[in-house]
N, C-alpha and C. Protein backbone atom coordinates (compact mmCIF):
# COMPACT_ATOMS: atom_id res chain seq x y z
N MET A 1 28.82 -5.85 -4.57
CA MET A 1 29.58 -7.02 -4.21
C MET A 1 30.93 -6.51 -3.21
N ALA A 2 31.03 -7.20 -1.62
CA ALA A 2 32.25 -6.54 -1.26
C ALA A 2 33.28 -7.35 -1.65
N ASP A 3 33.98 -6.15 -0.84
CA ASP A 3 35.85 -6.50 -1.83
C ASP A 3 36.08 -8.30 -1.32
N GLN A 4 36.47 -8.76 -2.21
CA GLN A 4 36.97 -10.56 -1.65
C GLN A 4 37.62 -10.41 -0.86
N LYS A 5 38.33 -9.19 -0.68
CA LYS A 5 39.84 -9.42 0.42
C LYS A 5 39.43 -9.36 2.16
N GLU A 6 38.00 -8.89 1.84
CA GLU A 6 37.66 -8.71 3.36
C GLU A 6 35.95 -9.46 3.76
N GLU A 7 36.53 -10.16 4.15
CA GLU A 7 35.50 -11.17 4.74
C GLU A 7 34.55 -10.80 6.00
N GLN A 8 33.08 -10.92 5.76
CA GLN A 8 32.00 -11.11 6.46
C GLN A 8 30.90 -11.79 6.64
N PHE A 9 31.17 -12.30 7.81
CA PHE A 9 29.96 -13.49 8.51
C PHE A 9 28.89 -13.02 8.88
N ASP A 10 27.84 -13.75 8.80
CA ASP A 10 26.50 -13.13 9.61
C ASP A 10 26.61 -14.29 10.70
N GLU A 11 26.26 -13.19 11.95
CA GLU A 11 26.90 -14.18 13.14
C GLU A 11 25.88 -15.44 13.52
N THR A 12 24.61 -15.24 12.81
CA THR A 12 23.81 -16.12 13.58
C THR A 12 23.81 -17.21 12.44
N ILE A 13 24.21 -17.15 11.34
CA ILE A 13 24.44 -18.30 10.53
C ILE A 13 25.77 -19.22 10.97
N THR A 14 26.90 -18.39 11.27
CA THR A 14 27.96 -18.56 11.64
C THR A 14 27.82 -19.69 12.76
N ARG A 15 26.97 -19.41 13.82
CA ARG A 15 26.88 -19.58 14.99
C ARG A 15 26.05 -21.12 14.67
N GLN A 16 24.69 -20.88 14.08
CA GLN A 16 24.12 -22.16 13.70
C GLN A 16 25.28 -23.09 12.92
N LEU A 17 25.71 -22.62 11.65
CA LEU A 17 26.26 -23.87 11.29
C LEU A 17 27.25 -24.64 11.86
N SER A 18 28.10 -23.69 12.68
CA SER A 18 29.30 -24.06 13.55
C SER A 18 28.48 -25.36 14.73
N GLY A 19 27.54 -25.12 15.51
CA GLY A 19 27.04 -26.31 16.13
C GLY A 19 26.60 -27.57 15.52
N HIS A 20 26.38 -27.27 14.04
CA HIS A 20 25.83 -28.60 12.88
C HIS A 20 27.38 -29.13 12.60
N TYR A 21 28.21 -28.49 12.76
CA TYR A 21 29.83 -28.74 11.99
C TYR A 21 30.41 -29.51 13.59
N HIS A 22 29.96 -28.90 14.69
CA HIS A 22 30.55 -29.58 16.07
C HIS A 22 29.74 -31.69 15.86
N GLU A 23 28.56 -31.13 15.95
CA GLU A 23 27.69 -32.37 15.73
C GLU A 23 28.33 -33.39 14.87
N ILE A 24 28.66 -33.11 13.35
CA ILE A 24 29.03 -34.05 12.31
C ILE A 24 30.61 -34.43 12.89
N LEU A 25 31.46 -33.54 13.49
CA LEU A 25 32.74 -34.42 14.21
C LEU A 25 32.45 -34.98 14.88
N ARG A 26 31.41 -35.04 15.84
CA ARG A 26 30.81 -35.90 16.92
C ARG A 26 30.61 -37.45 16.04
N LEU A 27 29.77 -37.17 15.21
CA LEU A 27 29.38 -38.26 14.58
C LEU A 27 30.32 -39.08 13.88
N LEU A 28 31.67 -38.54 13.08
CA LEU A 28 32.08 -39.03 12.77
C LEU A 28 33.52 -39.91 13.51
N GLY A 29 33.70 -39.78 14.75
CA GLY A 29 33.93 -40.25 15.61
C GLY A 29 35.37 -39.65 16.59
N GLU A 30 34.84 -38.34 15.98
CA GLU A 30 35.78 -37.28 16.47
C GLU A 30 35.73 -37.03 17.72
N ASP A 31 36.48 -36.11 18.71
CA ASP A 31 36.14 -35.46 19.76
C ASP A 31 36.57 -33.58 19.42
N PRO A 32 35.14 -32.99 19.79
CA PRO A 32 35.29 -31.73 18.88
C PRO A 32 35.80 -31.02 19.90
N ALA A 33 36.28 -31.45 21.06
CA ALA A 33 36.93 -31.00 22.26
C ALA A 33 38.15 -30.90 22.10
N ARG A 34 38.98 -31.78 21.63
CA ARG A 34 40.47 -31.90 21.67
C ARG A 34 41.00 -30.40 20.87
N GLU A 35 41.92 -30.18 21.21
CA GLU A 35 42.95 -28.80 20.91
C GLU A 35 42.81 -28.87 19.54
N GLY A 36 43.04 -30.00 18.71
CA GLY A 36 43.12 -29.38 17.45
C GLY A 36 42.03 -29.26 16.41
N LEU A 37 40.54 -29.82 17.26
CA LEU A 37 39.77 -29.34 16.42
C LEU A 37 38.42 -28.27 17.11
N MET A 38 38.89 -27.60 18.13
CA MET A 38 38.37 -26.80 19.09
C MET A 38 37.48 -25.72 18.26
N LYS A 39 38.30 -25.28 17.15
CA LYS A 39 38.11 -23.89 16.44
C LYS A 39 37.44 -24.76 14.97
N THR A 40 37.61 -25.71 14.60
CA THR A 40 37.00 -26.38 13.64
C THR A 40 35.93 -25.75 12.34
N PRO A 41 34.82 -26.14 14.07
CA PRO A 41 33.16 -25.89 13.47
C PRO A 41 33.36 -24.66 13.23
N LEU A 42 33.98 -23.64 13.64
CA LEU A 42 34.07 -22.06 13.38
C LEU A 42 34.43 -21.56 11.77
N ARG A 43 35.72 -22.29 11.94
CA ARG A 43 36.34 -22.29 11.09
C ARG A 43 35.95 -22.51 9.66
N VAL A 44 35.36 -23.96 9.36
CA VAL A 44 34.46 -24.56 9.03
C VAL A 44 33.05 -23.65 8.49
N ALA A 45 32.34 -23.14 9.20
CA ALA A 45 30.75 -22.05 9.17
C ALA A 45 31.62 -21.32 8.33
N ARG A 46 32.42 -20.42 8.21
CA ARG A 46 32.89 -19.28 7.53
C ARG A 46 33.85 -19.68 6.49
N SER A 47 34.25 -20.36 6.16
CA SER A 47 34.32 -21.36 4.96
C SER A 47 33.67 -21.61 4.02
N MET A 48 32.62 -22.31 4.76
CA MET A 48 31.21 -22.79 3.70
C MET A 48 30.14 -21.06 3.70
N GLN A 49 30.50 -20.34 4.63
CA GLN A 49 30.08 -18.93 3.52
C GLN A 49 30.85 -18.34 2.42
N PHE A 50 32.03 -18.33 2.88
CA PHE A 50 32.73 -17.82 1.80
C PHE A 50 32.93 -18.42 0.59
N LEU A 51 32.87 -19.64 0.72
CA LEU A 51 32.50 -20.54 -0.89
C LEU A 51 31.30 -20.31 -1.27
N THR A 52 30.16 -20.51 -0.43
CA THR A 52 29.25 -20.23 -1.23
C THR A 52 28.49 -18.87 -1.50
N ARG A 53 29.28 -17.46 -1.52
CA ARG A 53 29.00 -16.20 -1.23
C ARG A 53 27.98 -15.71 -2.72
N GLY A 54 28.09 -16.78 -3.41
CA GLY A 54 27.46 -16.37 -4.60
C GLY A 54 26.04 -15.98 -4.51
N TYR A 55 25.53 -16.78 -3.69
CA TYR A 55 23.99 -16.59 -3.57
C TYR A 55 23.95 -15.63 -3.12
N GLN A 56 24.48 -14.40 -2.57
CA GLN A 56 24.15 -12.79 -2.10
C GLN A 56 24.44 -11.72 -3.24
N GLU A 57 25.61 -12.31 -4.32
CA GLU A 57 25.31 -11.48 -5.63
C GLU A 57 24.40 -11.80 -6.43
N ASP A 58 24.21 -10.63 -7.49
CA ASP A 58 23.65 -10.97 -9.00
C ASP A 58 23.98 -10.76 -9.81
N GLY A 59 24.66 -11.31 -10.83
CA GLY A 59 25.44 -11.40 -11.77
C GLY A 59 24.73 -9.80 -12.82
N ALA A 60 23.43 -10.05 -13.11
CA ALA A 60 23.03 -8.69 -13.74
C ALA A 60 23.25 -7.53 -13.28
N GLU A 61 23.38 -7.82 -12.27
CA GLU A 61 23.84 -6.04 -11.37
C GLU A 61 25.29 -5.79 -11.66
N ILE A 62 26.03 -7.10 -11.51
CA ILE A 62 27.34 -7.02 -12.02
C ILE A 62 27.51 -5.97 -13.51
N LEU A 63 27.08 -6.67 -14.00
CA LEU A 63 26.96 -6.13 -15.54
C LEU A 63 26.95 -4.76 -15.70
N ARG A 64 25.63 -4.63 -15.05
CA ARG A 64 25.08 -3.08 -15.18
C ARG A 64 25.61 -1.87 -14.31
N SER A 65 26.08 -2.54 -13.39
CA SER A 65 27.14 -1.30 -12.71
C SER A 65 28.35 -0.70 -13.74
N ALA A 66 28.49 -1.20 -14.88
CA ALA A 66 29.61 -0.75 -15.76
C ALA A 66 29.44 -1.38 -17.20
N MET A 67 27.95 -0.52 -17.66
CA MET A 67 27.89 -1.35 -18.81
C MET A 67 27.36 0.25 -19.62
N PHE A 68 28.37 0.35 -21.10
CA PHE A 68 28.26 1.08 -21.55
C PHE A 68 27.95 1.10 -23.04
N GLN A 69 27.04 2.25 -24.27
CA GLN A 69 27.31 2.19 -25.40
C GLN A 69 28.53 2.38 -25.69
N GLU A 70 28.37 1.51 -26.73
CA GLU A 70 29.84 1.30 -28.04
C GLU A 70 29.02 0.80 -28.82
N GLU A 71 29.84 1.63 -29.78
CA GLU A 71 29.35 0.81 -31.54
C GLU A 71 30.66 0.02 -31.55
N TYR A 72 30.85 -1.03 -31.01
CA TYR A 72 31.71 -2.22 -31.16
C TYR A 72 31.05 -3.34 -31.99
N HIS A 73 31.14 -4.10 -32.79
CA HIS A 73 30.74 -5.13 -33.02
C HIS A 73 31.52 -6.27 -33.27
N GLN A 74 33.27 -6.89 -32.97
CA GLN A 74 33.68 -7.74 -33.02
C GLN A 74 33.61 -8.36 -31.62
N MET A 75 34.10 -9.85 -31.86
CA MET A 75 34.18 -10.48 -30.48
C MET A 75 35.22 -9.85 -29.42
N VAL A 76 34.63 -9.70 -28.44
CA VAL A 76 35.19 -9.79 -26.76
C VAL A 76 35.41 -10.79 -26.32
N VAL A 77 36.58 -11.41 -26.08
CA VAL A 77 37.47 -12.75 -25.20
C VAL A 77 37.55 -12.32 -24.18
N VAL A 78 37.06 -12.97 -22.99
CA VAL A 78 37.66 -12.93 -21.81
C VAL A 78 38.33 -14.02 -21.36
N LYS A 79 39.33 -15.00 -21.52
CA LYS A 79 39.70 -16.06 -21.49
C LYS A 79 41.02 -16.77 -20.01
N ASP A 80 40.43 -17.93 -19.36
CA ASP A 80 41.51 -18.36 -18.78
C ASP A 80 40.97 -17.43 -17.59
N ILE A 81 39.78 -17.38 -16.93
CA ILE A 81 39.30 -17.02 -15.82
C ILE A 81 39.06 -18.20 -15.07
N GLU A 82 40.08 -17.93 -13.77
CA GLU A 82 39.81 -19.09 -12.87
C GLU A 82 38.92 -19.46 -11.74
N LEU A 83 37.95 -20.44 -12.01
CA LEU A 83 37.18 -20.88 -10.86
C LEU A 83 36.93 -21.99 -9.86
N TYR A 84 36.78 -21.51 -9.32
CA TYR A 84 36.64 -22.54 -8.37
C TYR A 84 34.75 -22.68 -7.85
N SER A 85 34.55 -24.06 -7.70
CA SER A 85 32.90 -24.10 -7.13
C SER A 85 32.70 -25.14 -6.72
N MET A 86 31.83 -25.45 -5.92
CA MET A 86 31.52 -26.61 -5.45
C MET A 86 30.26 -27.75 -5.69
N CYS A 87 30.89 -29.03 -5.73
CA CYS A 87 29.78 -29.80 -6.61
C CYS A 87 28.46 -30.16 -5.28
N GLU A 88 27.55 -29.81 -5.93
CA GLU A 88 26.20 -30.08 -5.14
C GLU A 88 25.96 -31.45 -4.72
N HIS A 89 26.43 -32.53 -5.62
CA HIS A 89 26.33 -33.82 -4.90
C HIS A 89 27.11 -34.48 -3.97
N HIS A 90 28.31 -33.93 -3.75
CA HIS A 90 28.97 -34.62 -2.72
C HIS A 90 29.50 -33.09 -2.27
N MET A 91 29.31 -32.19 -2.24
CA MET A 91 29.67 -31.02 -1.50
C MET A 91 31.35 -31.09 -1.69
N LEU A 92 31.75 -31.63 -2.79
CA LEU A 92 33.78 -30.98 -2.98
C LEU A 92 33.84 -30.40 -3.98
N PRO A 93 34.86 -29.76 -3.88
CA PRO A 93 35.56 -28.82 -4.93
C PRO A 93 35.44 -29.47 -6.46
N PHE A 94 35.33 -28.47 -7.21
CA PHE A 94 35.99 -28.51 -8.66
C PHE A 94 36.47 -26.95 -8.81
N TYR A 95 37.70 -27.39 -10.04
CA TYR A 95 37.85 -26.07 -9.77
C TYR A 95 38.40 -25.71 -11.37
N GLY A 96 38.77 -24.90 -11.97
CA GLY A 96 39.63 -24.84 -13.39
C GLY A 96 39.22 -23.57 -14.22
N LYS A 97 38.58 -23.45 -15.51
CA LYS A 97 39.02 -22.40 -15.70
C LYS A 97 37.65 -22.37 -16.73
N ALA A 98 37.52 -20.93 -17.24
CA ALA A 98 36.05 -20.33 -17.82
C ALA A 98 36.67 -19.15 -19.23
N HIS A 99 36.35 -19.33 -20.42
CA HIS A 99 36.36 -18.64 -21.37
C HIS A 99 35.15 -18.64 -21.70
N VAL A 100 35.17 -17.02 -21.98
CA VAL A 100 34.45 -16.13 -21.72
C VAL A 100 34.14 -15.14 -23.70
N ALA A 101 33.36 -15.34 -24.14
CA ALA A 101 33.43 -14.19 -25.04
C ALA A 101 31.72 -13.72 -25.62
N TYR A 102 31.58 -12.38 -26.13
CA TYR A 102 30.92 -11.60 -26.56
C TYR A 102 30.84 -11.07 -27.45
N ILE A 103 29.86 -10.95 -28.78
CA ILE A 103 29.53 -9.92 -29.67
C ILE A 103 28.83 -9.07 -29.25
N PRO A 104 28.83 -7.60 -29.02
CA PRO A 104 28.07 -6.80 -28.37
C PRO A 104 27.14 -6.15 -29.75
N ASP A 105 26.00 -5.56 -29.32
CA ASP A 105 25.10 -4.98 -30.70
C ASP A 105 24.82 -3.82 -29.70
N GLY A 106 25.64 -2.05 -29.68
CA GLY A 106 25.33 -1.65 -28.76
C GLY A 106 25.96 -1.39 -27.36
N TYR A 107 26.00 -2.42 -26.57
CA TYR A 107 26.62 -2.43 -25.42
C TYR A 107 27.84 -3.05 -24.89
N ILE A 108 28.74 -2.71 -24.15
CA ILE A 108 29.88 -3.54 -23.61
C ILE A 108 30.27 -3.33 -22.08
N THR A 109 30.72 -4.08 -21.62
CA THR A 109 30.77 -4.07 -20.10
C THR A 109 32.38 -4.36 -20.02
N GLY A 110 32.33 -3.90 -18.65
CA GLY A 110 33.87 -3.89 -18.06
C GLY A 110 34.44 -5.11 -18.06
N LEU A 111 35.94 -5.31 -18.26
CA LEU A 111 36.15 -6.52 -18.69
C LEU A 111 36.28 -7.44 -17.57
N SER A 112 36.69 -6.98 -16.49
CA SER A 112 36.57 -7.25 -15.07
C SER A 112 35.47 -7.37 -14.75
N LYS A 113 34.18 -7.38 -15.42
CA LYS A 113 32.67 -7.78 -14.18
C LYS A 113 32.23 -9.08 -15.17
N ILE A 114 32.96 -9.41 -16.55
CA ILE A 114 32.88 -10.78 -16.90
C ILE A 114 33.11 -11.98 -16.18
N ALA A 115 34.70 -11.51 -15.37
CA ALA A 115 34.85 -12.55 -14.79
C ALA A 115 34.26 -12.93 -13.45
N ARG A 116 33.67 -11.49 -12.65
CA ARG A 116 32.78 -11.51 -11.52
C ARG A 116 31.55 -12.49 -11.47
N VAL A 117 31.07 -12.10 -12.92
CA VAL A 117 30.11 -13.04 -13.31
C VAL A 117 30.18 -14.72 -12.90
N VAL A 118 31.42 -14.73 -13.73
CA VAL A 118 31.82 -16.44 -13.32
C VAL A 118 32.08 -16.71 -11.90
N GLU A 119 32.89 -15.88 -11.04
CA GLU A 119 32.71 -16.11 -9.69
C GLU A 119 31.27 -15.77 -9.14
N THR A 120 30.32 -15.20 -9.34
CA THR A 120 29.00 -15.28 -8.94
C THR A 120 28.39 -16.53 -8.74
N TYR A 121 28.31 -16.94 -10.10
CA TYR A 121 27.88 -18.15 -10.39
C TYR A 121 28.44 -19.14 -9.96
N ALA A 122 29.95 -19.48 -9.97
CA ALA A 122 30.44 -20.47 -9.06
C ALA A 122 30.76 -20.44 -7.84
N ARG A 123 30.49 -19.31 -7.07
CA ARG A 123 30.59 -19.73 -5.70
C ARG A 123 29.08 -20.09 -5.47
N ARG A 124 28.82 -21.34 -5.73
CA ARG A 124 27.44 -21.39 -5.28
C ARG A 124 27.55 -23.02 -5.23
N LEU A 125 26.89 -23.96 -5.01
CA LEU A 125 26.61 -25.04 -4.86
C LEU A 125 26.40 -25.45 -6.36
N GLN A 126 26.97 -25.99 -7.37
CA GLN A 126 26.76 -26.16 -8.85
C GLN A 126 26.73 -27.43 -9.46
N VAL A 127 26.36 -27.98 -10.59
CA VAL A 127 26.85 -28.50 -11.49
C VAL A 127 27.34 -28.32 -12.46
N GLN A 128 28.56 -28.49 -13.21
CA GLN A 128 29.40 -27.51 -14.27
C GLN A 128 27.80 -27.37 -15.49
N GLU A 129 27.38 -27.90 -15.37
CA GLU A 129 26.98 -27.89 -16.88
C GLU A 129 25.64 -26.49 -16.66
N ARG A 130 25.55 -26.82 -15.78
CA ARG A 130 24.13 -25.38 -15.09
C ARG A 130 24.87 -24.15 -14.92
N LEU A 131 26.57 -24.16 -14.70
CA LEU A 131 27.00 -23.05 -14.06
C LEU A 131 27.27 -22.52 -15.44
N THR A 132 27.26 -23.50 -16.40
CA THR A 132 27.91 -23.03 -18.02
C THR A 132 27.00 -22.13 -18.38
N VAL A 133 25.75 -22.67 -18.25
CA VAL A 133 24.51 -21.92 -18.74
C VAL A 133 23.97 -20.53 -18.34
N GLN A 134 24.09 -20.97 -16.94
CA GLN A 134 24.09 -19.82 -16.21
C GLN A 134 24.82 -18.80 -16.42
N ILE A 135 26.45 -18.60 -17.07
CA ILE A 135 27.35 -17.61 -16.85
C ILE A 135 26.46 -17.00 -18.36
N ARG A 136 26.46 -17.82 -19.10
CA ARG A 136 26.08 -17.25 -20.57
C ARG A 136 24.57 -16.72 -20.38
N ASP A 137 23.71 -17.63 -20.05
CA ASP A 137 22.15 -16.59 -19.85
C ASP A 137 22.21 -15.30 -19.32
N CYS A 138 23.04 -14.79 -18.44
CA CYS A 138 23.46 -13.52 -17.40
C CYS A 138 23.94 -12.63 -18.53
N ILE A 139 24.63 -13.08 -19.04
CA ILE A 139 25.47 -12.12 -20.34
C ILE A 139 24.55 -11.63 -21.42
N GLN A 140 24.17 -12.85 -21.83
CA GLN A 140 22.69 -12.42 -22.56
C GLN A 140 21.77 -11.85 -22.95
N ASP A 141 21.46 -11.83 -21.37
CA ASP A 141 19.83 -11.68 -20.67
C ASP A 141 20.06 -9.88 -20.58
N THR A 142 21.76 -9.82 -19.98
CA THR A 142 21.83 -7.93 -19.48
C THR A 142 22.32 -7.59 -20.78
N LEU A 143 22.90 -7.53 -21.59
CA LEU A 143 23.72 -6.81 -22.72
C LEU A 143 23.06 -7.04 -24.06
N HIS A 144 22.65 -8.62 -24.08
CA HIS A 144 21.70 -8.71 -25.28
C HIS A 144 22.77 -8.89 -26.51
N PRO A 145 23.87 -8.91 -26.40
CA PRO A 145 24.77 -8.69 -27.30
C PRO A 145 24.43 -10.00 -28.79
N LEU A 146 25.11 -9.89 -29.96
CA LEU A 146 24.57 -10.78 -31.16
C LEU A 146 25.18 -12.06 -30.79
N GLY A 147 25.70 -12.91 -29.64
CA GLY A 147 26.01 -13.77 -29.45
C GLY A 147 26.73 -14.01 -27.93
N VAL A 148 26.98 -14.85 -27.27
CA VAL A 148 27.24 -15.62 -26.23
C VAL A 148 27.82 -16.62 -26.36
N ALA A 149 29.67 -16.95 -25.90
CA ALA A 149 30.31 -18.35 -25.64
C ALA A 149 30.81 -18.55 -24.64
N VAL A 150 30.59 -19.65 -24.24
CA VAL A 150 31.20 -19.70 -22.69
C VAL A 150 31.42 -21.43 -22.87
N VAL A 151 33.02 -21.49 -22.58
CA VAL A 151 33.43 -22.59 -22.38
C VAL A 151 33.89 -22.63 -21.15
N ILE A 152 33.42 -24.20 -20.36
CA ILE A 152 34.34 -24.54 -18.42
C ILE A 152 35.46 -25.59 -19.05
N GLU A 153 36.53 -25.69 -18.69
CA GLU A 153 36.99 -27.11 -18.49
C GLU A 153 37.81 -27.19 -16.95
N ALA A 154 37.48 -28.07 -16.10
CA ALA A 154 37.09 -27.93 -14.45
C ALA A 154 37.85 -29.76 -14.24
N ALA A 155 38.08 -29.63 -13.44
CA ALA A 155 38.52 -30.92 -12.95
C ALA A 155 37.97 -31.15 -10.97
N HIS A 156 37.15 -32.32 -11.13
CA HIS A 156 36.58 -32.31 -10.32
C HIS A 156 36.91 -33.46 -8.56
N MET A 157 36.97 -32.90 -7.95
CA MET A 157 37.15 -33.59 -6.80
C MET A 157 36.32 -35.00 -6.19
N CYS A 158 35.07 -35.04 -6.76
CA CYS A 158 34.67 -35.72 -6.80
C CYS A 158 34.93 -36.87 -7.71
N MET A 159 35.48 -36.98 -8.71
CA MET A 159 35.95 -37.87 -9.45
C MET A 159 37.57 -38.55 -8.79
N GLN A 160 37.97 -37.31 -8.28
CA GLN A 160 39.47 -37.36 -8.45
C GLN A 160 40.04 -38.13 -6.47
N VAL A 161 39.08 -38.21 -5.79
CA VAL A 161 39.69 -38.68 -4.59
C VAL A 161 38.70 -39.78 -3.99
N ARG A 162 37.14 -39.88 -4.76
CA ARG A 162 36.26 -40.56 -4.17
C ARG A 162 35.26 -41.37 -5.39
N GLY A 163 34.64 -42.41 -5.05
CA GLY A 163 33.98 -42.90 -6.52
C GLY A 163 35.18 -43.80 -7.43
N VAL A 164 35.56 -43.35 -8.66
CA VAL A 164 36.35 -43.86 -9.63
C VAL A 164 37.69 -43.23 -9.62
N GLN A 165 38.02 -42.42 -8.91
CA GLN A 165 39.64 -42.12 -8.39
C GLN A 165 40.20 -41.67 -9.54
N LYS A 166 39.93 -40.57 -10.61
CA LYS A 166 40.51 -40.73 -11.45
C LYS A 166 40.83 -39.22 -11.75
N GLN A 167 42.27 -39.21 -11.38
CA GLN A 167 42.97 -37.95 -11.21
C GLN A 167 43.15 -36.99 -11.93
N ASN A 168 43.23 -37.62 -13.36
CA ASN A 168 43.87 -36.72 -14.61
C ASN A 168 42.41 -36.51 -15.10
N SER A 169 41.48 -36.90 -15.31
CA SER A 169 40.24 -36.37 -15.80
C SER A 169 40.02 -34.95 -15.82
N VAL A 170 39.36 -34.52 -16.68
CA VAL A 170 39.10 -33.07 -16.98
C VAL A 170 37.55 -32.69 -17.85
N THR A 171 36.75 -32.30 -16.99
CA THR A 171 35.58 -31.94 -17.95
C THR A 171 35.68 -30.87 -18.52
N THR A 172 34.34 -30.41 -20.01
CA THR A 172 34.44 -29.57 -20.78
C THR A 172 33.18 -29.40 -20.66
N THR A 173 32.81 -28.21 -20.89
CA THR A 173 31.75 -28.18 -20.97
C THR A 173 31.22 -26.29 -21.79
N SER A 174 30.21 -26.24 -22.56
CA SER A 174 29.96 -25.37 -23.37
C SER A 174 28.77 -24.79 -23.63
N ALA A 175 27.89 -23.45 -23.79
CA ALA A 175 27.18 -23.05 -24.28
C ALA A 175 27.28 -21.93 -25.05
N PHE A 176 26.61 -21.65 -26.25
CA PHE A 176 26.72 -21.20 -27.29
C PHE A 176 24.91 -20.03 -27.12
N THR A 177 25.19 -18.97 -27.56
CA THR A 177 23.67 -18.17 -28.13
C THR A 177 23.68 -17.43 -29.30
N GLY A 178 23.26 -17.10 -30.22
CA GLY A 178 23.38 -16.22 -31.22
C GLY A 178 23.83 -16.51 -32.05
N VAL A 179 25.18 -15.63 -32.57
CA VAL A 179 25.89 -16.33 -34.06
C VAL A 179 26.56 -17.38 -34.04
N PHE A 180 27.25 -17.30 -32.75
CA PHE A 180 27.65 -18.88 -31.75
C PHE A 180 27.27 -19.79 -32.22
N LEU A 181 25.96 -20.14 -32.23
CA LEU A 181 25.38 -21.36 -32.30
C LEU A 181 25.05 -20.83 -33.95
N LYS A 182 24.95 -19.84 -34.63
CA LYS A 182 24.26 -20.39 -36.08
C LYS A 182 25.63 -20.14 -37.03
N ASP A 183 26.84 -19.41 -36.80
CA ASP A 183 28.00 -19.29 -37.32
C ASP A 183 28.83 -20.15 -36.77
N ILE A 184 29.46 -21.18 -37.41
CA ILE A 184 30.66 -22.12 -37.60
C ILE A 184 31.85 -21.38 -37.62
N ARG A 185 31.79 -20.61 -38.58
CA ARG A 185 33.13 -19.63 -38.97
C ARG A 185 33.42 -19.04 -36.81
N THR A 186 32.34 -18.50 -36.99
CA THR A 186 32.36 -17.78 -35.73
C THR A 186 32.74 -18.64 -34.55
N ARG A 187 32.33 -19.44 -34.19
CA ARG A 187 32.22 -20.64 -32.87
C ARG A 187 34.13 -21.26 -33.34
N GLY A 188 34.36 -21.61 -34.64
CA GLY A 188 35.38 -21.44 -34.40
C GLY A 188 36.76 -20.58 -34.51
N GLU A 189 36.10 -19.39 -34.63
CA GLU A 189 36.91 -18.41 -34.15
C GLU A 189 37.63 -18.56 -32.51
N PHE A 190 36.13 -18.46 -31.70
CA PHE A 190 36.60 -18.37 -30.68
C PHE A 190 36.96 -19.57 -30.13
N MET A 191 36.71 -20.91 -30.50
CA MET A 191 38.00 -21.70 -29.96
C MET A 191 38.75 -22.13 -30.50
N THR A 192 39.40 -21.25 -31.34
CA THR A 192 40.78 -21.21 -31.77
C THR A 192 42.03 -20.10 -30.75
N ILE A 193 41.03 -19.18 -30.77
CA ILE A 193 41.61 -18.00 -29.60
C ILE A 193 41.53 -18.47 -28.47
N ILE A 194 40.67 -19.72 -27.54
CA ILE A 194 41.09 -19.74 -26.72
C ILE A 194 41.47 -20.80 -26.30
N GLY A 195 42.10 -21.45 -27.65
CA GLY A 195 43.17 -22.28 -27.51
C GLY A 195 44.42 -22.15 -27.61
N ALA A 196 44.88 -21.11 -28.21
CA ALA A 196 45.90 -20.11 -28.86
C ALA A 196 46.90 -19.66 -27.48
N LYS A 197 47.83 -20.07 -27.51
CA LYS A 197 48.90 -19.11 -26.53
C LYS A 197 49.04 -17.97 -27.46
N LEU A 198 48.47 -16.41 -26.82
CA LEU A 198 48.54 -15.25 -27.29
C LEU A 198 49.64 -14.78 -26.39
N HIS A 199 49.82 -15.45 -25.07
CA HIS A 199 50.16 -14.16 -24.17
C HIS A 199 51.39 -15.00 -23.75
């Protein structure tokens, strides 16, 4: 995965997308040749590639790049991971936080890799429900822990600026495997941790 500060774009894709956005501006009644819009198609083409760069990334590969044997069998929680994604229905942003936990069974991964897995699946056209499950399954299938828990809280621009226009609505989704499904106390401990102000 390339350094997030370094933006690299495929020239052919950028050129083709720019052409489409030029036409979109015209169809919306704008003049793509006016000063303020002359470079807009190019900017949007690059922006969309950045916002969907997760298609070029592999969550499992990210986890395996820092996967270590370790006899640790307690809960590992990475909470308040900022996420920004794009609703696939209206191509408007949704944004919020992901809380992820797993209980290792022989293998752990670098803590930053959990955040990068969230980023990889968020940077695609998504629905929040699928995003939650993809993060869970990636960690479960790669690390084979005793269980995985994922909770996402997000605000959706498609609900805030169009349609029902409910600016304060927040959507929460969850997905669990293993002991988080079977043991209500373990699941309860996770929910308490992500709700607590520990820092």
